[in-house]
Amino acid sequence: MSQGIRVRFPSCAFYILLMKKNSPNAIQVSASILSADFSRLGEEIKRCEAAGADRFHVDVMDGHFVPVITMGPLIVAAIRSLTALPIDAHLMVEHPGMHLEQFIAAGADSIYLHAECYGVLRPACRGLGQFPKEVDRIDAAQILSDIAKIQKAGKKAFVTLNPGTPLCLEDILRAIDGVLIMSVNPGFAGQAFKPEAVEKIRQLRKIYSGDIAIDGGINAKTAPPVVAAGANILAAASYLFAPPDMRPVIDCLRQLKI
């Protein structure tokens, strides 16, 4: 990933006008706990709650769909015991359908499935260790089966798109509870926000009125354009956890609610 590209965004007044038009759902701040201090996870959860976070985002990585391994249902269960806020399990795993019951039992409120697990991978990412995973279309019947399992358990089902995967959800939009747009490639640290995510959100919002989440590089500069385009759930990681006081960060994001 290039780290030297600088993106200039229009003025705040421009975004305020767009947000009034394009954000039908309330802005929610999702605390991405991968950036939390796991040596005191309980304190971090309470710090997020006290600062006004709306939900928790748990990045589950298996070392196959993405190059690193992170956490699983045990961490979801631990967080569930500490908070009543919604927990989103973002499954960056090769065979998500195999793990649904575990995350449902652990207490996840929403499960995020990657579209790339339900289609034919592009040739450049089919092999072991070839990333990021990308598809051009999905097998609607296959993913709808897993969506139905999630919803039958009383949970919400979101579908996630990697940056290189186009909008290919027309056949399933009516069945899902939300869409997560990745603005970085999952599993790689230190990436810059991909501005093309803004247009992807804008196009999605034209055909979809449900929740649209954004994950990757969200901060004070990148959040306004994605909200203006139509995103309403902002997954924040280091931008949220790095400061000693989270409240100004959450207030900054939530003031985008116009």
C-alpha atoms as a PDB file:
ATOM      1  CA  MET A   1       0.000   0.000   0.000  1.00  0.00           C
ATOM      2  CA  SER A   2       1.289   3.463  -0.812  1.00  0.00           C
ATOM      3  CA  GLN A   3       1.596   5.644   2.281  1.00  0.00           C
ATOM      4  CA  GLY A   4       2.497   8.890   0.511  1.00  0.00           C
ATOM      5  CA  ILE A   5      -0.790   9.817  -1.167  1.00  0.00           C
ATOM      6  CA  ARG A   6      -2.633  12.741   0.401  1.00  0.00           C
ATOM      7  CA  VAL A   7      -6.358  13.131  -0.176  1.00  0.00           C
ATOM      8  CA  ARG A   8      -7.977  16.563  -0.002  1.00  0.00           C
ATOM      9  CA  PHE A   9     -11.609  16.585   1.071  1.00  0.00           C
ATOM     10  CA  PRO A  10     -14.109  19.431   0.534  1.00  0.00           C
ATOM     11  CA  SER A  11     -15.252  21.749   3.320  1.00  0.00           C
ATOM     12  CA  CYS A  12     -17.413  20.744   6.297  1.00  0.00           C
ATOM     13  CA  ALA A  13     -20.289  22.892   5.001  1.00  0.00           C
ATOM     14  CA  PHE A  14     -20.345  20.826   1.816  1.00  0.00           C
ATOM     15  CA  TYR A  15     -20.658  17.609   3.829  1.00  0.00           C
ATOM     16  CA  ILE A  16     -23.380  18.994   6.099  1.00  0.00           C
ATOM     17  CA  LEU A  17     -25.584  19.569   3.046  1.00  0.00           C
ATOM     18  CA  LEU A  18     -24.924  16.056   1.740  1.00  0.00           C
ATOM     19  CA  MET A  19     -25.483  14.411   5.127  1.00  0.00           C
ATOM     20  CA  LYS A  20     -28.913  15.972   5.410  1.00  0.00           C
ATOM     21  CA  LYS A  21     -29.827  14.285   2.148  1.00  0.00           C
ATOM     22  CA  ASN A  22     -28.008  10.946   2.293  1.00  0.00           C
ATOM     23  CA  SER A  23     -27.978   9.689   5.916  1.00  0.00           C
ATOM     24  CA  PRO A  24     -31.410   8.204   6.677  1.00  0.00           C
ATOM     25  CA  ASN A  25     -30.184   6.241   9.708  1.00  0.00           C
ATOM     26  CA  ALA A  26     -28.702   7.427  12.993  1.00  0.00           C
ATOM     27  CA  ILE A  27     -24.909   7.690  13.191  1.00  0.00           C
ATOM     28  CA  GLN A  28     -23.428   4.958  15.390  1.00  0.00           C
ATOM     29  CA  VAL A  29     -19.837   4.670  16.606  1.00  0.00           C
ATOM     30  CA  SER A  30     -18.559   1.097  16.761  1.00  0.00           C
ATOM     31  CA  ALA A  31     -15.467   0.555  18.913  1.00  0.00           C
ATOM     32  CA  SER A  32     -13.108  -1.806  17.091  1.00  0.00           C
ATOM     33  CA  ILE A  33     -11.553  -3.704  19.975  1.00  0.00           C
ATOM     34  CA  LEU A  34      -8.561  -4.954  18.007  1.00  0.00           C
ATOM     35  CA  SER A  35      -6.991  -1.624  19.026  1.00  0.00           C
ATOM     36  CA  ALA A  36      -7.861  -2.074  22.712  1.00  0.00           C
ATOM     37  CA  ASP A  37      -5.350  -2.945  25.433  1.00  0.00           C
ATOM     38  CA  PHE A  38      -6.133  -6.642  25.959  1.00  0.00           C
ATOM     39  CA  SER A  39      -4.210  -6.741  29.241  1.00  0.00           C
ATOM     40  CA  ARG A  40      -7.124  -4.733  30.676  1.00  0.00           C
ATOM     41  CA  LEU A  41      -9.953  -5.530  28.315  1.00  0.00           C
ATOM     42  CA  GLY A  42     -12.654  -5.071  30.952  1.00  0.00           C
ATOM     43  CA  GLU A  43     -11.484  -1.528  31.661  1.00  0.00           C
ATOM     44  CA  GLU A  44     -11.361  -0.770  27.942  1.00  0.00           C
ATOM     45  CA  ILE A  45     -14.942  -1.955  27.473  1.00  0.00           C
ATOM     46  CA  LYS A  46     -16.121   0.263  30.316  1.00  0.00           C
ATOM     47  CA  ARG A  47     -14.091   3.183  28.936  1.00  0.00           C
ATOM     48  CA  CYS A  48     -15.901   2.837  25.608  1.00  0.00           C
ATOM     49  CA  GLU A  49     -19.277   2.676  27.315  1.00  0.00           C
ATOM     50  CA  ALA A  50     -18.569   5.728  29.458  1.00  0.00           C
ATOM     51  CA  ALA A  51     -17.461   7.703  26.387  1.00  0.00           C
ATOM     52  CA  GLY A  52     -20.711   6.901  24.582  1.00  0.00           C
ATOM     53  CA  ALA A  53     -19.796   4.164  22.095  1.00  0.00           C
ATOM     54  CA  ASP A  54     -22.850   2.562  20.511  1.00  0.00           C
ATOM     55  CA  ARG A  55     -21.513  -0.929  19.815  1.00  0.00           C
ATOM     56  CA  PHE A  56     -18.396  -3.119  19.666  1.00  0.00           C
ATOM     57  CA  HIS A  57     -16.711  -4.407  16.517  1.00  0.00           C
ATOM     58  CA  VAL A  58     -14.784  -7.689  16.860  1.00  0.00           C
ATOM     59  CA  ASP A  59     -12.350  -8.527  14.052  1.00  0.00           C
ATOM     60  CA  VAL A  60     -12.145 -12.305  13.695  1.00  0.00           C
ATOM     61  CA  MET A  61      -9.252 -13.386  11.448  1.00  0.00           C
ATOM     62  CA  ASP A  62      -8.202 -16.955  10.664  1.00  0.00           C
ATOM     63  CA  GLY A  63      -4.842 -16.639   8.886  1.00  0.00           C
ATOM     64  CA  HIS A  64      -6.354 -17.989   5.640  1.00  0.00           C
ATOM     65  CA  PHE A  65      -8.881 -15.425   4.422  1.00  0.00           C
ATOM     66  CA  VAL A  66      -6.476 -12.785   5.729  1.00  0.00           C
ATOM     67  CA  PRO A  67      -2.788 -13.210   6.606  1.00  0.00           C
ATOM     68  CA  VAL A  68      -3.083 -12.853  10.382  1.00  0.00           C
ATOM     69  CA  ILE A  69      -4.879 -14.599  13.255  1.00  0.00           C
ATOM     70  CA  THR A  70      -6.700 -12.570  15.879  1.00  0.00           C
ATOM     71  CA  MET A  71      -9.564 -13.770  18.084  1.00  0.00           C
ATOM     72  CA  GLY A  72     -12.637 -15.959  18.165  1.00  0.00           C
ATOM     73  CA  PRO A  73     -15.854 -16.695  20.045  1.00  0.00           C
ATOM     74  CA  LEU A  74     -14.140 -16.783  23.453  1.00  0.00           C
ATOM     75  CA  ILE A  75     -13.376 -13.074  23.175  1.00  0.00           C
ATOM     76  CA  VAL A  76     -16.936 -12.370  22.036  1.00  0.00           C
ATOM     77  CA  ALA A  77     -18.226 -14.258  25.088  1.00  0.00           C
ATOM     78  CA  ALA A  78     -15.880 -12.318  27.361  1.00  0.00           C
ATOM     79  CA  ILE A  79     -17.104  -8.996  25.977  1.00  0.00           C
ATOM     80  CA  ARG A  80     -20.709 -10.177  26.247  1.00  0.00           C
ATOM     81  CA  SER A  81     -20.204 -10.736  29.970  1.00  0.00           C
ATOM     82  CA  LEU A  82     -19.004  -7.139  30.354  1.00  0.00           C
ATOM     83  CA  THR A  83     -21.520  -5.118  28.348  1.00  0.00           C
ATOM     84  CA  ALA A  84     -25.099  -4.974  27.144  1.00  0.00           C
ATOM     85  CA  LEU A  85     -24.124  -3.003  24.035  1.00  0.00           C
ATOM     86  CA  PRO A  86     -24.442  -4.732  20.647  1.00  0.00           C
ATOM     87  CA  ILE A  87     -21.475  -6.839  19.526  1.00  0.00           C
ATOM     88  CA  ASP A  88     -20.647  -7.192  15.835  1.00  0.00           C
ATOM     89  CA  ALA A  89     -18.610 -10.276  14.914  1.00  0.00           C
ATOM     90  CA  HIS A  90     -16.757  -9.476  11.692  1.00  0.00           C
ATOM     91  CA  LEU A  91     -15.834 -12.902  10.313  1.00  0.00           C
ATOM     92  CA  MET A  92     -12.734 -12.614   8.150  1.00  0.00           C
ATOM     93  CA  VAL A  93     -12.531 -16.378   7.875  1.00  0.00           C
ATOM     94  CA  GLU A  94     -12.426 -18.771   4.943  1.00  0.00           C
ATOM     95  CA  HIS A  95     -15.553 -20.789   5.766  1.00  0.00           C
ATOM     96  CA  PRO A  96     -17.827 -18.551   7.870  1.00  0.00           C
ATOM     97  CA  GLY A  97     -20.780 -20.926   7.733  1.00  0.00           C
ATOM     98  CA  MET A  98     -18.853 -23.426   9.856  1.00  0.00           C
ATOM     99  CA  HIS A  99     -18.614 -20.966  12.757  1.00  0.00           C
ATOM    100  CA  LEU A 100     -22.002 -19.269  12.913  1.00  0.00           C
ATOM    101  CA  GLU A 101     -23.366 -21.315  15.813  1.00  0.00           C
ATOM    102  CA  GLN A 102     -20.294 -20.595  17.943  1.00  0.00           C
ATOM    103  CA  PHE A 103     -20.550 -16.842  17.536  1.00  0.00           C
ATOM    104  CA  ILE A 104     -24.295 -16.854  18.032  1.00  0.00           C
ATOM    105  CA  ALA A 105     -23.859 -18.846  21.253  1.00  0.00           C
ATOM    106  CA  ALA A 106     -21.074 -16.494  22.375  1.00  0.00           C
ATOM    107  CA  GLY A 107     -23.470 -13.566  22.295  1.00  0.00           C
ATOM    108  CA  ALA A 108     -22.816 -11.720  19.030  1.00  0.00           C
ATOM    109  CA  ASP A 109     -25.746  -9.525  18.026  1.00  0.00           C
ATOM    110  CA  SER A 110     -24.684  -9.103  14.392  1.00  0.00           C
ATOM    111  CA  ILE A 111     -22.546 -11.340  12.225  1.00  0.00           C
ATOM    112  CA  TYR A 112     -20.678  -9.890   9.271  1.00  0.00           C
ATOM    113  CA  LEU A 113     -20.120 -12.308   6.371  1.00  0.00           C
ATOM    114  CA  HIS A 114     -17.604 -11.545   3.634  1.00  0.00           C
ATOM    115  CA  ALA A 115     -19.019 -11.677   0.106  1.00  0.00           C
ATOM    116  CA  GLU A 116     -15.668 -13.055  -1.041  1.00  0.00           C
ATOM    117  CA  CYS A 117     -16.415 -16.327   0.766  1.00  0.00           C
ATOM    118  CA  TYR A 118     -19.445 -16.917  -1.458  1.00  0.00           C
ATOM    119  CA  GLY A 119     -18.129 -16.526  -4.973  1.00  0.00           C
ATOM    120  CA  VAL A 120     -15.366 -17.593  -7.335  1.00  0.00           C
ATOM    121  CA  LEU A 121     -12.177 -15.821  -6.299  1.00  0.00           C
ATOM    122  CA  ARG A 122     -10.233 -13.931  -8.909  1.00  0.00           C
ATOM    123  CA  PRO A 123      -7.202 -15.890 -10.190  1.00  0.00           C
ATOM    124  CA  ALA A 124      -4.682 -13.645  -8.420  1.00  0.00           C
ATOM    125  CA  CYS A 125      -6.076 -14.472  -4.968  1.00  0.00           C
ATOM    126  CA  ARG A 126      -7.114 -18.128  -5.204  1.00  0.00           C
ATOM    127  CA  GLY A 127      -3.941 -19.625  -3.794  1.00  0.00           C
ATOM    128  CA  LEU A 128      -2.774 -20.015  -0.218  1.00  0.00           C
ATOM    129  CA  GLY A 129      -1.242 -16.768   0.977  1.00  0.00           C
ATOM    130  CA  GLN A 130      -2.628 -14.693  -1.886  1.00  0.00           C
ATOM    131  CA  PHE A 131      -4.381 -11.565  -0.631  1.00  0.00           C
ATOM    132  CA  PRO A 132      -6.627  -9.620  -0.640  1.00  0.00           C
ATOM    133  CA  LYS A 133      -9.521 -11.889  -1.547  1.00  0.00           C
ATOM    134  CA  GLU A 134     -11.782 -10.486  -4.274  1.00  0.00           C
ATOM    135  CA  VAL A 135     -14.748 -11.678  -6.328  1.00  0.00           C
ATOM    136  CA  ASP A 136     -16.830 -10.188  -9.111  1.00  0.00           C
ATOM    137  CA  ARG A 137     -20.100 -11.884  -8.186  1.00  0.00           C
ATOM    138  CA  ILE A 138     -21.536 -14.035  -5.428  1.00  0.00           C
ATOM    139  CA  ASP A 139     -23.526 -17.242  -5.185  1.00  0.00           C
ATOM    140  CA  ALA A 140     -26.755 -15.756  -3.836  1.00  0.00           C
ATOM    141  CA  ALA A 141     -28.273 -19.102  -2.807  1.00  0.00           C
ATOM    142  CA  GLN A 142     -25.202 -20.046  -0.789  1.00  0.00           C
ATOM    143  CA  ILE A 143     -24.934 -16.818   1.159  1.00  0.00           C
ATOM    144  CA  LEU A 144     -28.715 -16.590   1.671  1.00  0.00           C
ATOM    145  CA  SER A 145     -28.564 -19.956   3.424  1.00  0.00           C
ATOM    146  CA  ASP A 146     -26.114 -18.600   6.014  1.00  0.00           C
ATOM    147  CA  ILE A 147     -28.017 -15.327   6.313  1.00  0.00           C
ATOM    148  CA  ALA A 148     -31.152 -17.311   7.123  1.00  0.00           C
ATOM    149  CA  LYS A 149     -29.333 -19.251   9.867  1.00  0.00           C
ATOM    150  CA  ILE A 150     -28.178 -16.016  11.483  1.00  0.00           C
ATOM    151  CA  GLN A 151     -31.578 -14.379  11.335  1.00  0.00           C
ATOM    152  CA  LYS A 152     -33.393 -17.501  12.531  1.00  0.00           C
ATOM    153  CA  ALA A 153     -31.305 -17.220  15.698  1.00  0.00           C
ATOM    154  CA  GLY A 154     -32.583 -13.670  16.182  1.00  0.00           C
ATOM    155  CA  LYS A 155     -29.332 -12.021  15.098  1.00  0.00           C
ATOM    156  CA  LYS A 156     -28.598  -9.521  12.342  1.00  0.00           C
ATOM    157  CA  ALA A 157     -26.742 -10.469   9.179  1.00  0.00           C
ATOM    158  CA  PHE A 158     -24.433  -7.998   7.445  1.00  0.00           C
ATOM    159  CA  VAL A 159     -22.486  -8.645   4.245  1.00  0.00           C
ATOM    160  CA  THR A 160     -18.987  -7.198   3.850  1.00  0.00           C
ATOM    161  CA  LEU A 161     -17.228  -6.114   0.660  1.00  0.00           C
ATOM    162  CA  ASN A 162     -13.449  -5.864   0.359  1.00  0.00           C
ATOM    163  CA  PRO A 163     -12.155  -2.773  -1.491  1.00  0.00           C
ATOM    164  CA  GLY A 164     -11.527  -4.678  -4.722  1.00  0.00           C
ATOM    165  CA  THR A 165     -14.910  -6.415  -4.775  1.00  0.00           C
ATOM    166  CA  PRO A 166     -17.586  -4.411  -6.621  1.00  0.00           C
ATOM    167  CA  LEU A 167     -21.148  -3.927  -5.488  1.00  0.00           C
ATOM    168  CA  CYS A 168     -22.612  -7.337  -6.287  1.00  0.00           C
ATOM    169  CA  LEU A 169     -25.404  -7.659  -3.732  1.00  0.00           C
ATOM    170  CA  GLU A 170     -28.475  -6.807  -5.788  1.00  0.00           C
ATOM    171  CA  ASP A 171     -29.943 -10.301  -5.398  1.00  0.00           C
ATOM    172  CA  ILE A 172     -29.676 -10.316  -1.591  1.00  0.00           C
ATOM    173  CA  LEU A 173     -30.176  -6.709  -0.458  1.00  0.00           C
ATOM    174  CA  ARG A 174     -33.763  -7.328   0.634  1.00  0.00           C
ATOM    175  CA  ALA A 175     -32.660 -10.209   2.848  1.00  0.00           C
ATOM    176  CA  ILE A 176     -29.819  -8.587   4.786  1.00  0.00           C
ATOM    177  CA  ASP A 177     -29.740  -6.237   7.755  1.00  0.00           C
ATOM    178  CA  GLY A 178     -26.755  -4.186   6.644  1.00  0.00           C
ATOM    179  CA  VAL A 179     -23.650  -3.860   4.486  1.00  0.00           C
ATOM    180  CA  LEU A 180     -20.079  -3.250   5.628  1.00  0.00           C
ATOM    181  CA  ILE A 181     -17.791  -1.466   3.176  1.00  0.00           C
ATOM    182  CA  MET A 182     -14.080  -2.030   3.784  1.00  0.00           C
ATOM    183  CA  SER A 183     -11.983   1.093   3.169  1.00  0.00           C
ATOM    184  CA  VAL A 184      -8.717  -0.833   3.665  1.00  0.00           C
ATOM    185  CA  ASN A 185      -7.752  -4.370   2.739  1.00  0.00           C
ATOM    186  CA  PRO A 186      -8.391  -6.542   5.814  1.00  0.00           C
ATOM    187  CA  GLY A 187      -5.476  -8.058   7.697  1.00  0.00           C
ATOM    188  CA  PHE A 188      -2.781  -5.522   6.811  1.00  0.00           C
ATOM    189  CA  ALA A 189      -1.684  -2.950   9.389  1.00  0.00           C
ATOM    190  CA  GLY A 190      -0.825   0.669   8.678  1.00  0.00           C
ATOM    191  CA  GLN A 191      -2.895   1.160   5.537  1.00  0.00           C
ATOM    192  CA  ALA A 192      -4.253   4.487   4.359  1.00  0.00           C
ATOM    193  CA  PHE A 193      -7.980   5.023   3.878  1.00  0.00           C
ATOM    194  CA  LYS A 194      -9.036   4.172   0.318  1.00  0.00           C
ATOM    195  CA  PRO A 195     -11.064   7.156  -0.941  1.00  0.00           C
ATOM    196  CA  GLU A 196     -12.807   5.020  -3.590  1.00  0.00           C
ATOM    197  CA  ALA A 197     -14.870   3.610  -0.716  1.00  0.00           C
ATOM    198  CA  VAL A 198     -16.796   6.891  -0.654  1.00  0.00           C
ATOM    199  CA  GLU A 199     -18.179   6.374  -4.148  1.00  0.00           C
ATOM    200  CA  LYS A 200     -18.999   2.744  -3.407  1.00  0.00           C
ATOM    201  CA  ILE A 201     -21.065   3.877  -0.407  1.00  0.00           C
ATOM    202  CA  ARG A 202     -22.757   6.565  -2.476  1.00  0.00           C
ATOM    203  CA  GLN A 203     -23.796   4.068  -5.132  1.00  0.00           C
ATOM    204  CA  LEU A 204     -24.983   1.577  -2.520  1.00  0.00           C
ATOM    205  CA  ARG A 205     -27.080   4.184  -0.722  1.00  0.00           C
ATOM    206  CA  LYS A 206     -28.961   4.868  -3.964  1.00  0.00           C
ATOM    207  CA  ILE A 207     -30.372   1.330  -3.909  1.00  0.00           C
ATOM    208  CA  TYR A 208     -30.294   0.407  -0.203  1.00  0.00           C
ATOM    209  CA  SER A 209     -31.954   2.094   2.777  1.00  0.00           C
ATOM    210  CA  GLY A 210     -30.594  -0.155   5.546  1.00  0.00           C
ATOM    211  CA  ASP A 211     -27.500   0.221   7.702  1.00  0.00           C
ATOM    212  CA  ILE A 212     -24.221   0.871   5.902  1.00  0.00           C
ATOM    213  CA  ALA A 213     -21.079   0.437   7.970  1.00  0.00           C
ATOM    214  CA  ILE A 214     -17.537   1.517   7.109  1.00  0.00           C
ATOM    215  CA  ASP A 215     -14.344  -0.044   8.470  1.00  0.00           C
ATOM    216  CA  GLY A 216     -10.758   1.074   7.928  1.00  0.00           C
ATOM    217  CA  GLY A 217      -8.909   4.336   8.509  1.00  0.00           C
ATOM    218  CA  ILE A 218     -11.846   6.209  10.009  1.00  0.00           C
ATOM    219  CA  ASN A 219     -10.861   9.493  11.648  1.00  0.00           C
ATOM    220  CA  ALA A 220     -11.849  13.171  11.761  1.00  0.00           C
ATOM    221  CA  LYS A 221     -10.874  13.682   8.095  1.00  0.00           C
ATOM    222  CA  THR A 222     -12.274  10.509   6.547  1.00  0.00           C
ATOM    223  CA  ALA A 223     -15.534  10.209   8.493  1.00  0.00           C
ATOM    224  CA  PRO A 224     -17.315  13.279   7.032  1.00  0.00           C
ATOM    225  CA  PRO A 225     -17.154  12.146   3.397  1.00  0.00           C
ATOM    226  CA  VAL A 226     -18.317   8.595   4.167  1.00  0.00           C
ATOM    227  CA  VAL A 227     -21.258   9.870   6.217  1.00  0.00           C
ATOM    228  CA  ALA A 228     -22.085  12.344   3.487  1.00  0.00           C
ATOM    229  CA  ALA A 229     -22.117   9.444   1.030  1.00  0.00           C
ATOM    230  CA  GLY A 230     -24.570   7.504   3.211  1.00  0.00           C
ATOM    231  CA  ALA A 231     -22.685   5.447   5.824  1.00  0.00           C
ATOM    232  CA  ASN A 232     -24.162   5.454   9.324  1.00  0.00           C
ATOM    233  CA  ILE A 233     -22.074   2.940  11.326  1.00  0.00           C
ATOM    234  CA  LEU A 234     -18.452   4.009  11.785  1.00  0.00           C
ATOM    235  CA  ALA A 235     -16.020   1.362  13.031  1.00  0.00           C
ATOM    236  CA  ALA A 236     -13.184   3.253  14.722  1.00  0.00           C
ATOM    237  CA  ALA A 237      -9.961   1.618  15.896  1.00  0.00           C
ATOM    238  CA  SER A 238      -6.742   3.464  16.808  1.00  0.00           C
ATOM    239  CA  TYR A 239      -8.428   6.844  16.281  1.00  0.00           C
ATOM    240  CA  LEU A 240     -10.772   5.928  19.123  1.00  0.00           C
ATOM    241  CA  PHE A 241      -8.496   3.984  21.468  1.00  0.00           C
ATOM    242  CA  ALA A 242      -5.275   6.026  21.230  1.00  0.00           C
ATOM    243  CA  PRO A 243      -6.418   9.158  23.116  1.00  0.00           C
ATOM    244  CA  PRO A 244      -6.712   8.928  26.933  1.00  0.00           C
ATOM    245  CA  ASP A 245     -10.212  10.412  26.652  1.00  0.00           C
ATOM    246  CA  MET A 246     -12.454   8.845  24.012  1.00  0.00           C
ATOM    247  CA  ARG A 247     -15.408  11.141  24.501  1.00  0.00           C
ATOM    248  CA  PRO A 248     -14.195  14.005  22.248  1.00  0.00           C
ATOM    249  CA  VAL A 249     -13.536  11.445  19.493  1.00  0.00           C
ATOM    250  CA  ILE A 250     -17.014   9.968  19.734  1.00  0.00           C
ATOM    251  CA  ASP A 251     -18.556  13.433  19.958  1.00  0.00           C
ATOM    252  CA  CYS A 252     -16.623  14.427  16.829  1.00  0.00           C
ATOM    253  CA  LEU A 253     -18.042  11.478  14.932  1.00  0.00           C
ATOM    254  CA  ARG A 254     -21.535  11.773  16.287  1.00  0.00           C
ATOM    255  CA  GLN A 255     -21.826  15.476  15.438  1.00  0.00           C
ATOM    256  CA  LEU A 256     -21.906  14.318  11.830  1.00  0.00           C
ATOM    257  CA  LYS A 257     -25.505  13.350  12.567  1.00  0.00           C
ATOM    258  CA  ILE A 258     -27.391  16.255  11.010  1.00  0.00           C
END
